Each structure stands twice: as C-alpha cells, then as structure tokens.
Amino acid sequence: MGPDRGDNDRARAEQMEGTMPASWRFRTDPWWDVEGRGVKRERLHRRIVGGLAFVVAVAACGLTAAAWVSELTPLFQGLAW
C-alpha cells in the first residue's frame, strides 16, 4: 500500500509555508506538479484562448483606426492650403 497522499500534501505545505509570500513574483503555481493533467490542460487552454482574444482585440482596434484615418484623410487634405 502506497503512502497517504494527504500526508504528502501536508508535509509539502509545511515545507512551502515560508516561501509562499515570495511566490507571487514568479507567477508560477507551487502545486503545479501535484495537480492532474486535466487542470494543466485547462490552464493551457485558458492561456491560448486569452492570448488569441487579445490579438483579435488589438487587430480590431488597428482596423478601426485605419478605417477612421482613410475616411478622414480627404477632409484634412481639403483643409490644407
């Protein structure tokens, strides 16, 4: 019979207790290796979807700005002497 996983988690929590406040700087999860593949897959999926959403938002803002510039350019050229 293998070791009790709860004891292992408690021992690791006690070991990590002193370093938890500093862990925010590294932006990593200290329990990454304890969690299952499903959680890791879900986090990766969220990162990819979040990154794609950001890229789409930046592209939409760029295209909107380009459309405004193309529409307003004739107006400003007509005002120039």
C-alpha atoms as a PDB file:
ATOM      1  CA  MET A   1       0.000   0.000   0.000  1.00  0.00           C
ATOM      2  CA  GLY A   2       1.407   3.368  -1.038  1.00  0.00           C
ATOM      3  CA  PRO A   3       1.917   6.422   1.136  1.00  0.00           C
ATOM      4  CA  ASP A   4      -1.080   8.520   2.096  1.00  0.00           C
ATOM      5  CA  ARG A   5      -1.300  11.410  -0.387  1.00  0.00           C
ATOM      6  CA  GLY A   6      -2.830  13.662   2.276  1.00  0.00           C
ATOM      7  CA  ASP A   7       0.272  13.322   4.452  1.00  0.00           C
ATOM      8  CA  ASN A   8       2.475  14.160   1.487  1.00  0.00           C
ATOM      9  CA  ASP A   9       0.410  17.268   0.721  1.00  0.00           C
ATOM     10  CA  ARG A  10       0.537  18.412   4.345  1.00  0.00           C
ATOM     11  CA  ALA A  11       4.299  17.903   4.502  1.00  0.00           C
ATOM     12  CA  ARG A  12       4.766  19.850   1.300  1.00  0.00           C
ATOM     13  CA  ALA A  13       2.501  22.651   2.561  1.00  0.00           C
ATOM     14  CA  GLU A  14       4.578  22.923   5.732  1.00  0.00           C
ATOM     15  CA  GLN A  15       7.759  22.980   3.674  1.00  0.00           C
ATOM     16  CA  MET A  16       6.425  25.687   1.330  1.00  0.00           C
ATOM     17  CA  GLU A  17       4.866  27.763   4.109  1.00  0.00           C
ATOM     18  CA  GLY A  18       7.831  30.091   4.498  1.00  0.00           C
ATOM     19  CA  THR A  19       8.220  30.772   0.774  1.00  0.00           C
ATOM     20  CA  MET A  20       4.595  31.449  -0.183  1.00  0.00           C
ATOM     21  CA  PRO A  21       4.720  35.293   0.090  1.00  0.00           C
ATOM     22  CA  ALA A  22       7.623  35.453  -2.366  1.00  0.00           C
ATOM     23  CA  SER A  23       5.960  33.125  -4.868  1.00  0.00           C
ATOM     24  CA  TRP A  24       3.805  35.919  -6.364  1.00  0.00           C
ATOM     25  CA  ARG A  25       6.887  37.346  -8.068  1.00  0.00           C
ATOM     26  CA  PHE A  26       7.483  34.250 -10.154  1.00  0.00           C
ATOM     27  CA  ARG A  27       3.841  33.832 -11.244  1.00  0.00           C
ATOM     28  CA  THR A  28       4.041  30.060 -11.012  1.00  0.00           C
ATOM     29  CA  ASP A  29       1.864  27.694  -9.075  1.00  0.00           C
ATOM     30  CA  PRO A  30       3.848  25.869  -6.360  1.00  0.00           C
ATOM     31  CA  TRP A  31       1.395  22.940  -6.609  1.00  0.00           C
ATOM     32  CA  TRP A  32       1.762  22.506 -10.387  1.00  0.00           C
ATOM     33  CA  ASP A  33       3.228  19.019 -10.191  1.00  0.00           C
ATOM     34  CA  VAL A  34       0.593  17.825  -7.700  1.00  0.00           C
ATOM     35  CA  GLU A  35      -2.368  18.708  -9.932  1.00  0.00           C
ATOM     36  CA  GLY A  36      -3.613  16.396 -12.635  1.00  0.00           C
ATOM     37  CA  ARG A  37      -3.313  16.580 -16.402  1.00  0.00           C
ATOM     38  CA  GLY A  38      -6.850  17.921 -16.748  1.00  0.00           C
ATOM     39  CA  VAL A  39      -6.046  21.033 -14.717  1.00  0.00           C
ATOM     40  CA  LYS A  40      -2.840  21.618 -16.658  1.00  0.00           C
ATOM     41  CA  ARG A  41      -4.702  21.216 -19.960  1.00  0.00           C
ATOM     42  CA  GLU A  42      -7.409  23.625 -18.817  1.00  0.00           C
ATOM     43  CA  ARG A  43      -4.842  26.259 -17.815  1.00  0.00           C
ATOM     44  CA  LEU A  44      -3.063  25.912 -21.149  1.00  0.00           C
ATOM     45  CA  HIS A  45      -6.396  26.213 -22.951  1.00  0.00           C
ATOM     46  CA  ARG A  46      -7.234  29.384 -21.000  1.00  0.00           C
ATOM     47  CA  ARG A  47      -3.834  30.913 -21.810  1.00  0.00           C
ATOM     48  CA  ILE A  48      -4.230  30.173 -25.520  1.00  0.00           C
ATOM     49  CA  VAL A  49      -7.805  31.471 -25.672  1.00  0.00           C
ATOM     50  CA  GLY A  50      -6.839  34.569 -23.682  1.00  0.00           C
ATOM     51  CA  GLY A  51      -3.879  35.280 -25.957  1.00  0.00           C
ATOM     52  CA  LEU A  52      -5.986  34.850 -29.081  1.00  0.00           C
ATOM     53  CA  ALA A  53      -8.674  37.141 -27.660  1.00  0.00           C
ATOM     54  CA  PHE A  54      -6.044  39.800 -27.012  1.00  0.00           C
ATOM     55  CA  VAL A  55      -4.648  39.501 -30.551  1.00  0.00           C
ATOM     56  CA  VAL A  56      -8.143  39.777 -32.048  1.00  0.00           C
ATOM     57  CA  ALA A  57      -8.897  42.852 -29.901  1.00  0.00           C
ATOM     58  CA  VAL A  58      -5.663  44.572 -30.963  1.00  0.00           C
ATOM     59  CA  ALA A  59      -6.343  43.764 -34.627  1.00  0.00           C
ATOM     60  CA  ALA A  60      -9.897  45.138 -34.330  1.00  0.00           C
ATOM     61  CA  CYS A  61      -8.598  48.379 -32.809  1.00  0.00           C
ATOM     62  CA  GLY A  62      -5.982  48.682 -35.559  1.00  0.00           C
ATOM     63  CA  LEU A  63      -8.514  48.099 -38.318  1.00  0.00           C
ATOM     64  CA  THR A  64     -10.902  50.618 -36.755  1.00  0.00           C
ATOM     65  CA  ALA A  65      -8.155  53.232 -36.570  1.00  0.00           C
ATOM     66  CA  ALA A  66      -7.176  52.540 -40.189  1.00  0.00           C
ATOM     67  CA  ALA A  67     -10.802  52.939 -41.308  1.00  0.00           C
ATOM     68  CA  TRP A  68     -11.115  56.267 -39.500  1.00  0.00           C
ATOM     69  CA  VAL A  69      -7.853  57.537 -40.989  1.00  0.00           C
ATOM     70  CA  SER A  70      -8.930  56.547 -44.507  1.00  0.00           C
ATOM     71  CA  GLU A  71     -12.290  58.302 -44.047  1.00  0.00           C
ATOM     72  CA  LEU A  72     -10.884  61.489 -42.503  1.00  0.00           C
ATOM     73  CA  THR A  73      -7.854  61.922 -44.793  1.00  0.00           C
ATOM     74  CA  PRO A  74      -9.825  63.653 -47.611  1.00  0.00           C
ATOM     75  CA  LEU A  75     -11.331  66.075 -45.097  1.00  0.00           C
ATOM     76  CA  PHE A  76      -7.930  67.131 -43.802  1.00  0.00           C
ATOM     77  CA  GLN A  77      -6.455  67.362 -47.314  1.00  0.00           C
ATOM     78  CA  GLY A  78      -9.269  69.726 -48.293  1.00  0.00           C
ATOM     79  CA  LEU A  79      -8.462  71.969 -45.301  1.00  0.00           C
ATOM     80  CA  ALA A  80      -4.754  72.231 -46.106  1.00  0.00           C
ATOM     81  CA  TRP A  81      -3.614  75.280 -48.156  1.00  0.00           C
END
